[in-house]
Amino acid sequence: MRAAVAAVLPWLEGAAEQPDRPVLAAAVRLSLRTLEQDAPGRSVEVRVPPFAAVQCVAGPRHTRGTPPNVVETDPRTWLELATGRLTWADGLADARITASGSRADLSALLPVLRF
């Protein structure tokens, strides 16, 4: 995971063009998988279209339809959150994160890795 995310750091820092889709997809998927492992559960669905969605955070399990606790963001925003380059509060304030539900605050779980 660390190598996959390191490959997109120049883009996150504004020093390179957006990486190729497979490189970006790997960074998003592996960092989301790390969040899923760090916060096991099924009460919050975290979506980063078009690459991945995971369920995490302990609590009531969701089984059908749209979950009551959903976080959605774009790949760049997710990777900035995952690496600590963007805070949860700033992402919400700038409308870069959509979060609904009482358990959808991921601030205590981020970043999932630091460089």
PDB file of N, CA and C in Angstrom:
ATOM      1  N   MET A   1       0.824  -1.179   0.000  1.00  0.00           N
ATOM      2  CA  MET A   1       0.000   0.000   0.000  1.00  0.00           C
ATOM      3  C   MET A   1       0.875   1.252   0.000  1.00  0.00           C
ATOM      4  N   ARG A   2       1.886   1.226   0.814  1.00  0.00           N
ATOM      5  CA  ARG A   2       2.749   2.416   0.919  1.00  0.00           C
ATOM      6  C   ARG A   2       3.362   2.778  -0.439  1.00  0.00           C
ATOM      7  N   ALA A   3       3.825   1.791  -1.186  1.00  0.00           N
ATOM      8  CA  ALA A   3       4.423   2.045  -2.504  1.00  0.00           C
ATOM      9  C   ALA A   3       3.382   2.565  -3.488  1.00  0.00           C
ATOM     10  N   ALA A   4       2.177   2.021  -3.438  1.00  0.00           N
ATOM     11  CA  ALA A   4       1.110   2.462  -4.346  1.00  0.00           C
ATOM     12  C   ALA A   4       0.756   3.919  -4.086  1.00  0.00           C
ATOM     13  N   VAL A   5       0.664   4.302  -2.831  1.00  0.00           N
ATOM     14  CA  VAL A   5       0.333   5.693  -2.502  1.00  0.00           C
ATOM     15  C   VAL A   5       1.524   6.606  -2.786  1.00  0.00           C
ATOM     16  N   ALA A   6       2.725   6.142  -2.524  1.00  0.00           N
ATOM     17  CA  ALA A   6       3.917   6.952  -2.813  1.00  0.00           C
ATOM     18  C   ALA A   6       3.993   7.311  -4.299  1.00  0.00           C
ATOM     19  N   ALA A   7       3.489   6.438  -5.156  1.00  0.00           N
ATOM     20  CA  ALA A   7       3.524   6.687  -6.597  1.00  0.00           C
ATOM     21  C   ALA A   7       2.655   7.880  -7.011  1.00  0.00           C
ATOM     22  N   VAL A   8       1.670   8.249  -6.188  1.00  0.00           N
ATOM     23  CA  VAL A   8       0.792   9.375  -6.540  1.00  0.00           C
ATOM     24  C   VAL A   8       1.128  10.648  -5.759  1.00  0.00           C
ATOM     25  N   LEU A   9       2.094  10.586  -4.865  1.00  0.00           N
ATOM     26  CA  LEU A   9       2.429  11.764  -4.058  1.00  0.00           C
ATOM     27  C   LEU A   9       2.822  12.986  -4.885  1.00  0.00           C
ATOM     28  N   PRO A  10       3.621  12.844  -5.946  1.00  0.00           N
ATOM     29  CA  PRO A  10       3.949  14.044  -6.734  1.00  0.00           C
ATOM     30  C   PRO A  10       2.700  14.739  -7.284  1.00  0.00           C
ATOM     31  N   TRP A  11       1.700  13.974  -7.676  1.00  0.00           N
ATOM     32  CA  TRP A  11       0.438  14.547  -8.151  1.00  0.00           C
ATOM     33  C   TRP A  11      -0.292  15.265  -7.021  1.00  0.00           C
ATOM     34  N   LEU A  12      -0.336  14.641  -5.841  1.00  0.00           N
ATOM     35  CA  LEU A  12      -1.006  15.275  -4.705  1.00  0.00           C
ATOM     36  C   LEU A  12      -0.335  16.578  -4.307  1.00  0.00           C
ATOM     37  N   GLU A  13       0.972  16.646  -4.518  1.00  0.00           N
ATOM     38  CA  GLU A  13       1.735  17.842  -4.160  1.00  0.00           C
ATOM     39  C   GLU A  13       1.768  18.883  -5.274  1.00  0.00           C
ATOM     40  N   GLY A  14       1.123  18.574  -6.401  1.00  0.00           N
ATOM     41  CA  GLY A  14       1.079  19.514  -7.514  1.00  0.00           C
ATOM     42  C   GLY A  14       2.314  19.534  -8.372  1.00  0.00           C
ATOM     43  N   ALA A  15       3.179  18.541  -8.241  1.00  0.00           N
ATOM     44  CA  ALA A  15       4.430  18.517  -8.978  1.00  0.00           C
ATOM     45  C   ALA A  15       4.385  17.604 -10.203  1.00  0.00           C
ATOM     46  N   ALA A  16       3.226  16.984 -10.455  1.00  0.00           N
ATOM     47  CA  ALA A  16       3.117  16.065 -11.593  1.00  0.00           C
ATOM     48  C   ALA A  16       1.679  16.037 -12.084  1.00  0.00           C
ATOM     49  N   GLU A  17       1.525  15.532 -13.290  1.00  0.00           N
ATOM     50  CA  GLU A  17       0.191  15.337 -13.862  1.00  0.00           C
ATOM     51  C   GLU A  17      -0.505  14.183 -13.135  1.00  0.00           C
ATOM     52  N   GLN A  18      -1.816  14.103 -13.338  1.00  0.00           N
ATOM     53  CA  GLN A  18      -2.568  12.999 -12.739  1.00  0.00           C
ATOM     54  C   GLN A  18      -1.986  11.675 -13.224  1.00  0.00           C
ATOM     55  N   PRO A  19      -1.780  10.731 -12.307  1.00  0.00           N
ATOM     56  CA  PRO A  19      -1.212   9.439 -12.698  1.00  0.00           C
ATOM     57  C   PRO A  19      -2.175   8.654 -13.590  1.00  0.00           C
ATOM     58  N   ASP A  20      -1.634   7.667 -14.264  1.00  0.00           N
ATOM     59  CA  ASP A  20      -2.464   6.779 -15.075  1.00  0.00           C
ATOM     60  C   ASP A  20      -3.517   6.113 -14.195  1.00  0.00           C
ATOM     61  N   ARG A  21      -4.632   5.781 -14.811  1.00  0.00           N
ATOM     62  CA  ARG A  21      -5.766   5.209 -14.086  1.00  0.00           C
ATOM     63  C   ARG A  21      -5.390   3.997 -13.231  1.00  0.00           C
ATOM     64  N   PRO A  22      -4.616   3.022 -13.724  1.00  0.00           N
ATOM     65  CA  PRO A  22      -4.278   1.867 -12.871  1.00  0.00           C
ATOM     66  C   PRO A  22      -3.460   2.247 -11.641  1.00  0.00           C
ATOM     67  N   VAL A  23      -2.595   3.237 -11.770  1.00  0.00           N
ATOM     68  CA  VAL A  23      -1.771   3.693 -10.643  1.00  0.00           C
ATOM     69  C   VAL A  23      -2.660   4.361  -9.596  1.00  0.00           C
ATOM     70  N   LEU A  24      -3.542   5.224 -10.057  1.00  0.00           N
ATOM     71  CA  LEU A  24      -4.469   5.915  -9.163  1.00  0.00           C
ATOM     72  C   LEU A  24      -5.424   4.922  -8.494  1.00  0.00           C
ATOM     73  N   ALA A  25      -5.932   3.983  -9.273  1.00  0.00           N
ATOM     74  CA  ALA A  25      -6.852   2.973  -8.733  1.00  0.00           C
ATOM     75  C   ALA A  25      -6.186   2.147  -7.634  1.00  0.00           C
ATOM     76  N   ALA A  26      -4.948   1.747  -7.853  1.00  0.00           N
ATOM     77  CA  ALA A  26      -4.239   0.950  -6.840  1.00  0.00           C
ATOM     78  C   ALA A  26      -4.067   1.741  -5.546  1.00  0.00           C
ATOM     79  N   ALA A  27      -3.697   3.001  -5.655  1.00  0.00           N
ATOM     80  CA  ALA A  27      -3.512   3.822  -4.452  1.00  0.00           C
ATOM     81  C   ALA A  27      -4.820   3.966  -3.685  1.00  0.00           C
ATOM     82  N   VAL A  28      -5.911   4.216  -4.388  1.00  0.00           N
ATOM     83  CA  VAL A  28      -7.208   4.377  -3.730  1.00  0.00           C
ATOM     84  C   VAL A  28      -7.644   3.061  -3.094  1.00  0.00           C
ATOM     85  N   ARG A  29      -7.616   1.989  -3.848  1.00  0.00           N
ATOM     86  CA  ARG A  29      -8.102   0.697  -3.344  1.00  0.00           C
ATOM     87  C   ARG A  29      -7.303   0.204  -2.139  1.00  0.00           C
ATOM     88  N   LEU A  30      -5.996   0.300  -2.229  1.00  0.00           N
ATOM     89  CA  LEU A  30      -5.172  -0.200  -1.128  1.00  0.00           C
ATOM     90  C   LEU A  30      -5.290   0.668   0.119  1.00  0.00           C
ATOM     91  N   SER A  31      -5.419   1.974  -0.050  1.00  0.00           N
ATOM     92  CA  SER A  31      -5.577   2.831   1.131  1.00  0.00           C
ATOM     93  C   SER A  31      -6.963   2.644   1.750  1.00  0.00           C
ATOM     94  N   LEU A  32      -7.983   2.428   0.936  1.00  0.00           N
ATOM     95  CA  LEU A  32      -9.307   2.124   1.487  1.00  0.00           C
ATOM     96  C   LEU A  32      -9.298   0.786   2.214  1.00  0.00           C
ATOM     97  N   ARG A  33      -8.600  -0.175   1.675  1.00  0.00           N
ATOM     98  CA  ARG A  33      -8.488  -1.475   2.340  1.00  0.00           C
ATOM     99  C   ARG A  33      -7.815  -1.333   3.702  1.00  0.00           C
ATOM    100  N   THR A  34      -6.839  -0.439   3.788  1.00  0.00           N
ATOM    101  CA  THR A  34      -6.184  -0.187   5.068  1.00  0.00           C
ATOM    102  C   THR A  34      -7.162   0.417   6.066  1.00  0.00           C
ATOM    103  N   LEU A  35      -7.978   1.375   5.606  1.00  0.00           N
ATOM    104  CA  LEU A  35      -9.017   1.935   6.481  1.00  0.00           C
ATOM    105  C   LEU A  35      -9.954   0.827   6.962  1.00  0.00           C
ATOM    106  N   GLU A  36     -10.350  -0.032   6.061  1.00  0.00           N
ATOM    107  CA  GLU A  36     -11.246  -1.142   6.394  1.00  0.00           C
ATOM    108  C   GLU A  36     -10.628  -2.053   7.455  1.00  0.00           C
ATOM    109  N   GLN A  37      -9.333  -2.292   7.366  1.00  0.00           N
ATOM    110  CA  GLN A  37      -8.637  -3.127   8.353  1.00  0.00           C
ATOM    111  C   GLN A  37      -8.450  -2.401   9.680  1.00  0.00           C
ATOM    112  N   ASP A  38      -8.208  -1.098   9.629  1.00  0.00           N
ATOM    113  CA  ASP A  38      -8.001  -0.304  10.846  1.00  0.00           C
ATOM    114  C   ASP A  38      -9.294  -0.104  11.634  1.00  0.00           C
ATOM    115  N   ALA A  39     -10.421  -0.089  10.928  1.00  0.00           N
ATOM    116  CA  ALA A  39     -11.720   0.168  11.554  1.00  0.00           C
ATOM    117  C   ALA A  39     -12.726  -0.894  11.096  1.00  0.00           C
ATOM    118  N   PRO A  40     -12.541  -2.129  11.536  1.00  0.00           N
ATOM    119  CA  PRO A  40     -13.431  -3.194  11.060  1.00  0.00           C
ATOM    120  C   PRO A  40     -14.875  -2.951  11.489  1.00  0.00           C
ATOM    121  N   GLY A  41     -15.768  -3.337  10.631  1.00  0.00           N
ATOM    122  CA  GLY A  41     -17.193  -3.187  10.891  1.00  0.00           C
ATOM    123  C   GLY A  41     -17.930  -2.948   9.599  1.00  0.00           C
ATOM    124  N   ARG A  42     -19.230  -2.702   9.716  1.00  0.00           N
ATOM    125  CA  ARG A  42     -20.048  -2.523   8.522  1.00  0.00           C
ATOM    126  C   ARG A  42     -21.069  -1.405   8.693  1.00  0.00           C
ATOM    127  N   SER A  43     -20.796  -0.446   9.550  1.00  0.00           N
ATOM    128  CA  SER A  43     -21.796   0.599   9.786  1.00  0.00           C
ATOM    129  C   SER A  43     -21.620   1.833   8.902  1.00  0.00           C
ATOM    130  N   VAL A  44     -20.455   1.991   8.265  1.00  0.00           N
ATOM    131  CA  VAL A  44     -20.205   3.143   7.393  1.00  0.00           C
ATOM    132  C   VAL A  44     -19.699   2.634   6.054  1.00  0.00           C
ATOM    133  N   GLU A  45     -20.263   3.164   4.989  1.00  0.00           N
ATOM    134  CA  GLU A  45     -19.756   2.845   3.661  1.00  0.00           C
ATOM    135  C   GLU A  45     -18.972   4.041   3.156  1.00  0.00           C
ATOM    136  N   VAL A  46     -17.729   3.808   2.760  1.00  0.00           N
ATOM    137  CA  VAL A  46     -16.870   4.858   2.223  1.00  0.00           C
ATOM    138  C   VAL A  46     -16.726   4.596   0.729  1.00  0.00           C
ATOM    139  N   ARG A  47     -17.146   5.565  -0.060  1.00  0.00           N
ATOM    140  CA  ARG A  47     -17.152   5.425  -1.517  1.00  0.00           C
ATOM    141  C   ARG A  47     -16.185   6.409  -2.148  1.00  0.00           C
ATOM    142  N   VAL A  48     -15.345   5.884  -3.039  1.00  0.00           N
ATOM    143  CA  VAL A  48     -14.438   6.721  -3.827  1.00  0.00           C
ATOM    144  C   VAL A  48     -14.606   6.292  -5.289  1.00  0.00           C
ATOM    145  N   PRO A  49     -15.673   6.809  -5.925  1.00  0.00           N
ATOM    146  CA  PRO A  49     -15.916   6.416  -7.305  1.00  0.00           C
ATOM    147  C   PRO A  49     -14.856   7.001  -8.231  1.00  0.00           C
ATOM    148  N   PRO A  50     -14.495   6.316  -9.268  1.00  0.00           N
ATOM    149  CA  PRO A  50     -15.042   5.053  -9.750  1.00  0.00           C
ATOM    150  C   PRO A  50     -14.273   3.825  -9.283  1.00  0.00           C
ATOM    151  N   PHE A  51     -13.433   3.982  -8.280  1.00  0.00           N
ATOM    152  CA  PHE A  51     -12.490   2.922  -7.959  1.00  0.00           C
ATOM    153  C   PHE A  51     -12.911   1.921  -6.898  1.00  0.00           C
ATOM    154  N   ALA A  52     -13.535   2.359  -5.826  1.00  0.00           N
ATOM    155  CA  ALA A  52     -13.795   1.406  -4.745  1.00  0.00           C
ATOM    156  C   ALA A  52     -14.787   1.955  -3.738  1.00  0.00           C
ATOM    157  N   ALA A  53     -15.324   1.025  -2.971  1.00  0.00           N
ATOM    158  CA  ALA A  53     -16.149   1.345  -1.809  1.00  0.00           C
ATOM    159  C   ALA A  53     -15.890   0.262  -0.779  1.00  0.00           C
ATOM    160  N   VAL A  54     -15.800   0.653   0.478  1.00  0.00           N
ATOM    161  CA  VAL A  54     -15.610  -0.313   1.559  1.00  0.00           C
ATOM    162  C   VAL A  54     -16.594  -0.005   2.679  1.00  0.00           C
ATOM    163  N   GLN A  55     -16.869  -1.026   3.456  1.00  0.00           N
ATOM    164  CA  GLN A  55     -17.648  -0.834   4.672  1.00  0.00           C
ATOM    165  C   GLN A  55     -16.708  -0.995   5.848  1.00  0.00           C
ATOM    166  N   CYS A  56     -16.868  -0.111   6.829  1.00  0.00           N
ATOM    167  CA  CYS A  56     -15.973  -0.109   7.976  1.00  0.00           C
ATOM    168  C   CYS A  56     -16.704   0.478   9.176  1.00  0.00           C
ATOM    169  N   VAL A  57     -16.041   0.578  10.276  1.00  0.00           N
ATOM    170  CA  VAL A  57     -16.498   1.143  11.547  1.00  0.00           C
ATOM    171  C   VAL A  57     -17.513   0.230  12.229  1.00  0.00           C
ATOM    172  N   ALA A  58     -17.193  -0.116  13.438  1.00  0.00           N
ATOM    173  CA  ALA A  58     -18.067  -0.985  14.227  1.00  0.00           C
ATOM    174  C   ALA A  58     -19.398  -0.309  14.500  1.00  0.00           C
ATOM    175  N   GLY A  59     -20.427  -1.107  14.577  1.00  0.00           N
ATOM    176  CA  GLY A  59     -21.771  -0.590  14.849  1.00  0.00           C
ATOM    177  C   GLY A  59     -22.801  -1.443  14.160  1.00  0.00           C
ATOM    178  N   PRO A  60     -24.016  -0.954  14.086  1.00  0.00           N
ATOM    179  CA  PRO A  60     -25.086  -1.729  13.451  1.00  0.00           C
ATOM    180  C   PRO A  60     -24.744  -2.054  11.999  1.00  0.00           C
ATOM    181  N   ARG A  61     -24.947  -3.292  11.624  1.00  0.00           N
ATOM    182  CA  ARG A  61     -24.616  -3.740  10.279  1.00  0.00           C
ATOM    183  C   ARG A  61     -25.707  -3.338   9.300  1.00  0.00           C
ATOM    184  N   HIS A  62     -25.280  -2.877   8.145  1.00  0.00           N
ATOM    185  CA  HIS A  62     -26.201  -2.504   7.086  1.00  0.00           C
ATOM    186  C   HIS A  62     -26.286  -3.654   6.081  1.00  0.00           C
ATOM    187  N   THR A  63     -27.502  -4.003   5.639  1.00  0.00           N
ATOM    188  CA  THR A  63     -27.619  -5.132   4.713  1.00  0.00           C
ATOM    189  C   THR A  63     -28.323  -4.829   3.397  1.00  0.00           C
ATOM    190  N   ARG A  64     -29.202  -3.825   3.318  1.00  0.00           N
ATOM    191  CA  ARG A  64     -29.936  -3.570   2.074  1.00  0.00           C
ATOM    192  C   ARG A  64     -30.017  -2.088   1.753  1.00  0.00           C
ATOM    193  N   GLY A  65     -30.062  -1.807   0.446  1.00  0.00           N
ATOM    194  CA  GLY A  65     -30.266  -0.432   0.013  1.00  0.00           C
ATOM    195  C   GLY A  65     -29.112   0.483   0.369  1.00  0.00           C
ATOM    196  N   THR A  66     -29.394   1.766   0.406  1.00  0.00           N
ATOM    197  CA  THR A  66     -28.372   2.751   0.743  1.00  0.00           C
ATOM    198  C   THR A  66     -28.133   2.736   2.247  1.00  0.00           C
ATOM    199  N   PRO A  67     -26.887   2.586   2.657  1.00  0.00           N
ATOM    200  CA  PRO A  67     -26.598   2.565   4.090  1.00  0.00           C
ATOM    201  C   PRO A  67     -26.911   3.919   4.740  1.00  0.00           C
ATOM    202  N   PRO A  68     -27.225   3.927   6.027  1.00  0.00           N
ATOM    203  CA  PRO A  68     -27.527   5.183   6.706  1.00  0.00           C
ATOM    204  C   PRO A  68     -26.296   6.061   6.933  1.00  0.00           C
ATOM    205  N   ASN A  69     -25.120   5.480   6.899  1.00  0.00           N
ATOM    206  CA  ASN A  69     -23.877   6.222   7.128  1.00  0.00           C
ATOM    207  C   ASN A  69     -22.993   6.077   5.896  1.00  0.00           C
ATOM    208  N   VAL A  70     -22.875   7.151   5.126  1.00  0.00           N
ATOM    209  CA  VAL A  70     -22.136   7.103   3.871  1.00  0.00           C
ATOM    210  C   VAL A  70     -21.160   8.271   3.805  1.00  0.00           C
ATOM    211  N   VAL A  71     -19.958   7.969   3.350  1.00  0.00           N
ATOM    212  CA  VAL A  71     -18.948   8.986   3.062  1.00  0.00           C
ATOM    213  C   VAL A  71     -18.588   8.811   1.596  1.00  0.00           C
ATOM    214  N   GLU A  72     -18.580   9.910   0.857  1.00  0.00           N
ATOM    215  CA  GLU A  72     -18.196   9.825  -0.551  1.00  0.00           C
ATOM    216  C   GLU A  72     -17.316  11.005  -0.908  1.00  0.00           C
ATOM    217  N   THR A  73     -16.300  10.716  -1.705  1.00  0.00           N
ATOM    218  CA  THR A  73     -15.392  11.755  -2.159  1.00  0.00           C
ATOM    219  C   THR A  73     -14.703  11.304  -3.439  1.00  0.00           C
ATOM    220  N   ASP A  74     -14.008  12.209  -4.072  1.00  0.00           N
ATOM    221  CA  ASP A  74     -13.272  11.880  -5.292  1.00  0.00           C
ATOM    222  C   ASP A  74     -11.914  11.277  -4.915  1.00  0.00           C
ATOM    223  N   PRO A  75     -11.236  10.638  -5.878  1.00  0.00           N
ATOM    224  CA  PRO A  75      -9.958   9.987  -5.574  1.00  0.00           C
ATOM    225  C   PRO A  75      -8.895  10.922  -4.988  1.00  0.00           C
ATOM    226  N   ARG A  76      -8.746  12.108  -5.539  1.00  0.00           N
ATOM    227  CA  ARG A  76      -7.716  13.023  -5.030  1.00  0.00           C
ATOM    228  C   ARG A  76      -7.989  13.400  -3.576  1.00  0.00           C
ATOM    229  N   THR A  77      -9.236  13.765  -3.288  1.00  0.00           N
ATOM    230  CA  THR A  77      -9.586  14.143  -1.923  1.00  0.00           C
ATOM    231  C   THR A  77      -9.350  12.981  -0.975  1.00  0.00           C
ATOM    232  N   TRP A  78      -9.762  11.777  -1.377  1.00  0.00           N
ATOM    233  CA  TRP A  78      -9.550  10.615  -0.507  1.00  0.00           C
ATOM    234  C   TRP A  78      -8.063  10.434  -0.202  1.00  0.00           C
ATOM    235  N   LEU A  79      -7.236  10.510  -1.237  1.00  0.00           N
ATOM    236  CA  LEU A  79      -5.801  10.296  -1.021  1.00  0.00           C
ATOM    237  C   LEU A  79      -5.183  11.408  -0.180  1.00  0.00           C
ATOM    238  N   GLU A  80      -5.681  12.621  -0.323  1.00  0.00           N
ATOM    239  CA  GLU A  80      -5.205  13.707   0.546  1.00  0.00           C
ATOM    240  C   GLU A  80      -5.608  13.450   1.999  1.00  0.00           C
ATOM    241  N   LEU A  81      -6.811  12.951   2.207  1.00  0.00           N
ATOM    242  CA  LEU A  81      -7.245  12.588   3.564  1.00  0.00           C
ATOM    243  C   LEU A  81      -6.408  11.428   4.102  1.00  0.00           C
ATOM    244  N   ALA A  82      -6.222  10.418   3.275  1.00  0.00           N
ATOM    245  CA  ALA A  82      -5.513   9.206   3.689  1.00  0.00           C
ATOM    246  C   ALA A  82      -4.065   9.477   4.068  1.00  0.00           C
ATOM    247  N   THR A  83      -3.470  10.507   3.452  1.00  0.00           N
ATOM    248  CA  THR A  83      -2.064  10.824   3.726  1.00  0.00           C
ATOM    249  C   THR A  83      -1.883  12.008   4.667  1.00  0.00           C
ATOM    250  N   GLY A  84      -2.966  12.563   5.155  1.00  0.00           N
ATOM    251  CA  GLY A  84      -2.869  13.681   6.087  1.00  0.00           C
ATOM    252  C   GLY A  84      -2.620  15.026   5.446  1.00  0.00           C
ATOM    253  N   ARG A  85      -2.748  15.111   4.128  1.00  0.00           N
ATOM    254  CA  ARG A  85      -2.560  16.385   3.444  1.00  0.00           C
ATOM    255  C   ARG A  85      -3.807  17.255   3.490  1.00  0.00           C
ATOM    256  N   LEU A  86      -4.933  16.670   3.901  1.00  0.00           N
ATOM    257  CA  LEU A  86      -6.195  17.381   4.051  1.00  0.00           C
ATOM    258  C   LEU A  86      -6.847  16.885   5.333  1.00  0.00           C
ATOM    259  N   THR A  87      -7.338  17.782   6.142  1.00  0.00           N
ATOM    260  CA  THR A  87      -8.042  17.360   7.357  1.00  0.00           C
ATOM    261  C   THR A  87      -9.503  17.098   7.030  1.00  0.00           C
ATOM    262  N   TRP A  88     -10.120  16.282   7.853  1.00  0.00           N
ATOM    263  CA  TRP A  88     -11.534  15.968   7.704  1.00  0.00           C
ATOM    264  C   TRP A  88     -12.363  17.258   7.745  1.00  0.00           C
ATOM    265  N   ALA A  89     -12.087  18.121   8.708  1.00  0.00           N
ATOM    266  CA  ALA A  89     -12.843  19.363   8.865  1.00  0.00           C
ATOM    267  C   ALA A  89     -12.713  20.257   7.634  1.00  0.00           C
ATOM    268  N   ASP A  90     -11.511  20.378   7.094  1.00  0.00           N
ATOM    269  CA  ASP A  90     -11.315  21.210   5.904  1.00  0.00           C
ATOM    270  C   ASP A  90     -12.009  20.610   4.683  1.00  0.00           C
ATOM    271  N   GLY A  91     -11.956  19.299   4.555  1.00  0.00           N
ATOM    272  CA  GLY A  91     -12.635  18.638   3.445  1.00  0.00           C
ATOM    273  C   GLY A  91     -14.132  18.845   3.484  1.00  0.00           C
ATOM    274  N   LEU A  92     -14.709  18.780   4.680  1.00  0.00           N
ATOM    275  CA  LEU A  92     -16.145  19.048   4.827  1.00  0.00           C
ATOM    276  C   LEU A  92     -16.458  20.511   4.540  1.00  0.00           C
ATOM    277  N   ALA A  93     -15.656  21.408   5.093  1.00  0.00           N
ATOM    278  CA  ALA A  93     -15.897  22.837   4.916  1.00  0.00           C
ATOM    279  C   ALA A  93     -15.814  23.252   3.447  1.00  0.00           C
ATOM    280  N   ASP A  94     -14.935  22.619   2.694  1.00  0.00           N
ATOM    281  CA  ASP A  94     -14.761  22.930   1.273  1.00  0.00           C
ATOM    282  C   ASP A  94     -15.702  22.122   0.382  1.00  0.00           C
ATOM    283  N   ALA A  95     -16.591  21.346   0.982  1.00  0.00           N
ATOM    284  CA  ALA A  95     -17.553  20.500   0.250  1.00  0.00           C
ATOM    285  C   ALA A  95     -16.858  19.488  -0.657  1.00  0.00           C
ATOM    286  N   ARG A  96     -15.707  19.024  -0.241  1.00  0.00           N
ATOM    287  CA  ARG A  96     -14.992  17.986  -0.989  1.00  0.00           C
ATOM    288  C   ARG A  96     -15.368  16.598  -0.496  1.00  0.00           C
ATOM    289  N   ILE A  97     -16.040  16.542   0.648  1.00  0.00           N
ATOM    290  CA  ILE A  97     -16.497  15.291   1.253  1.00  0.00           C
ATOM    291  C   ILE A  97     -18.006  15.398   1.452  1.00  0.00           C
ATOM    292  N   THR A  98     -18.709  14.334   1.097  1.00  0.00           N
ATOM    293  CA  THR A  98     -20.120  14.217   1.439  1.00  0.00           C
ATOM    294  C   THR A  98     -20.207  13.158   2.518  1.00  0.00           C
ATOM    295  N   ALA A  99     -20.737  13.502   3.667  1.00  0.00           N
ATOM    296  CA  ALA A  99     -20.841  12.561   4.783  1.00  0.00           C
ATOM    297  C   ALA A  99     -22.236  12.662   5.376  1.00  0.00           C
ATOM    298  N   SER A 100     -22.903  11.518   5.470  1.00  0.00           N
ATOM    299  CA  SER A 100     -24.242  11.503   6.063  1.00  0.00           C
ATOM    300  C   SER A 100     -24.319  10.390   7.092  1.00  0.00           C
ATOM    301  N   GLY A 101     -25.068  10.632   8.132  1.00  0.00           N
ATOM    302  CA  GLY A 101     -25.240   9.636   9.181  1.00  0.00           C
ATOM    303  C   GLY A 101     -24.434   9.959  10.415  1.00  0.00           C
ATOM    304  N   SER A 102     -24.881   9.434  11.534  1.00  0.00           N
ATOM    305  CA  SER A 102     -24.273   9.749  12.825  1.00  0.00           C
ATOM    306  C   SER A 102     -22.893   9.132  13.017  1.00  0.00           C
ATOM    307  N   ARG A 103     -22.548   8.118  12.247  1.00  0.00           N
ATOM    308  CA  ARG A 103     -21.238   7.465  12.382  1.00  0.00           C
ATOM    309  C   ARG A 103     -20.269   7.826  11.263  1.00  0.00           C
ATOM    310  N   ALA A 104     -20.643   8.757  10.398  1.00  0.00           N
ATOM    311  CA  ALA A 104     -19.871   9.044   9.188  1.00  0.00           C
ATOM    312  C   ALA A 104     -18.685   9.980   9.391  1.00  0.00           C
ATOM    313  N   ASP A 105     -18.335  10.301  10.605  1.00  0.00           N
ATOM    314  CA  ASP A 105     -17.168  11.152  10.868  1.00  0.00           C
ATOM    315  C   ASP A 105     -15.933  10.266  10.980  1.00  0.00           C
ATOM    316  N   LEU A 106     -15.060  10.337   9.987  1.00  0.00           N
ATOM    317  CA  LEU A 106     -13.852   9.506   9.957  1.00  0.00           C
ATOM    318  C   LEU A 106     -12.619  10.222  10.509  1.00  0.00           C
ATOM    319  N   SER A 107     -12.787  11.391  11.075  1.00  0.00           N
ATOM    320  CA  SER A 107     -11.637  12.197  11.493  1.00  0.00           C
ATOM    321  C   SER A 107     -10.694  11.453  12.440  1.00  0.00           C
ATOM    322  N   ALA A 108     -11.216  10.621  13.329  1.00  0.00           N
ATOM    323  CA  ALA A 108     -10.368   9.900  14.281  1.00  0.00           C
ATOM    324  C   ALA A 108      -9.589   8.768  13.618  1.00  0.00           C
ATOM    325  N   LEU A 109      -9.956   8.397  12.397  1.00  0.00           N
ATOM    326  CA  LEU A 109      -9.318   7.276  11.705  1.00  0.00           C
ATOM    327  C   LEU A 109      -8.306   7.725  10.656  1.00  0.00           C
ATOM    328  N   LEU A 110      -8.218   9.028  10.441  1.00  0.00           N
ATOM    329  CA  LEU A 110      -7.357   9.550   9.391  1.00  0.00           C
ATOM    330  C   LEU A 110      -6.194  10.324   9.981  1.00  0.00           C
ATOM    331  N   PRO A 111      -5.062  10.340   9.342  1.00  0.00           N
ATOM    332  CA  PRO A 111      -4.734   9.652   8.087  1.00  0.00           C
ATOM    333  C   PRO A 111      -4.478   8.163   8.318  1.00  0.00           C
ATOM    334  N   VAL A 112      -4.553   7.400   7.244  1.00  0.00           N
ATOM    335  CA  VAL A 112      -4.277   5.962   7.362  1.00  0.00           C
ATOM    336  C   VAL A 112      -2.797   5.665   7.185  1.00  0.00           C
ATOM    337  N   LEU A 113      -2.033   6.629   6.643  1.00  0.00           N
ATOM    338  CA  LEU A 113      -0.575   6.503   6.575  1.00  0.00           C
ATOM    339  C   LEU A 113       0.048   7.878   6.453  1.00  0.00           C
ATOM    340  N   ARG A 114       1.284   7.974   6.874  1.00  0.00           N
ATOM    341  CA  ARG A 114       2.019   9.244   6.814  1.00  0.00           C
ATOM    342  C   ARG A 114       3.326   9.029   6.059  1.00  0.00           C
ATOM    343  N   PHE A 115       3.718  10.080   5.364  1.00  0.00           N
ATOM    344  CA  PHE A 115       4.996  10.059   4.653  1.00  0.00           C
ATOM    345  C   PHE A 115       5.898  11.110   5.221  1.00  0.00           C
TER     346      PHE A 115
END
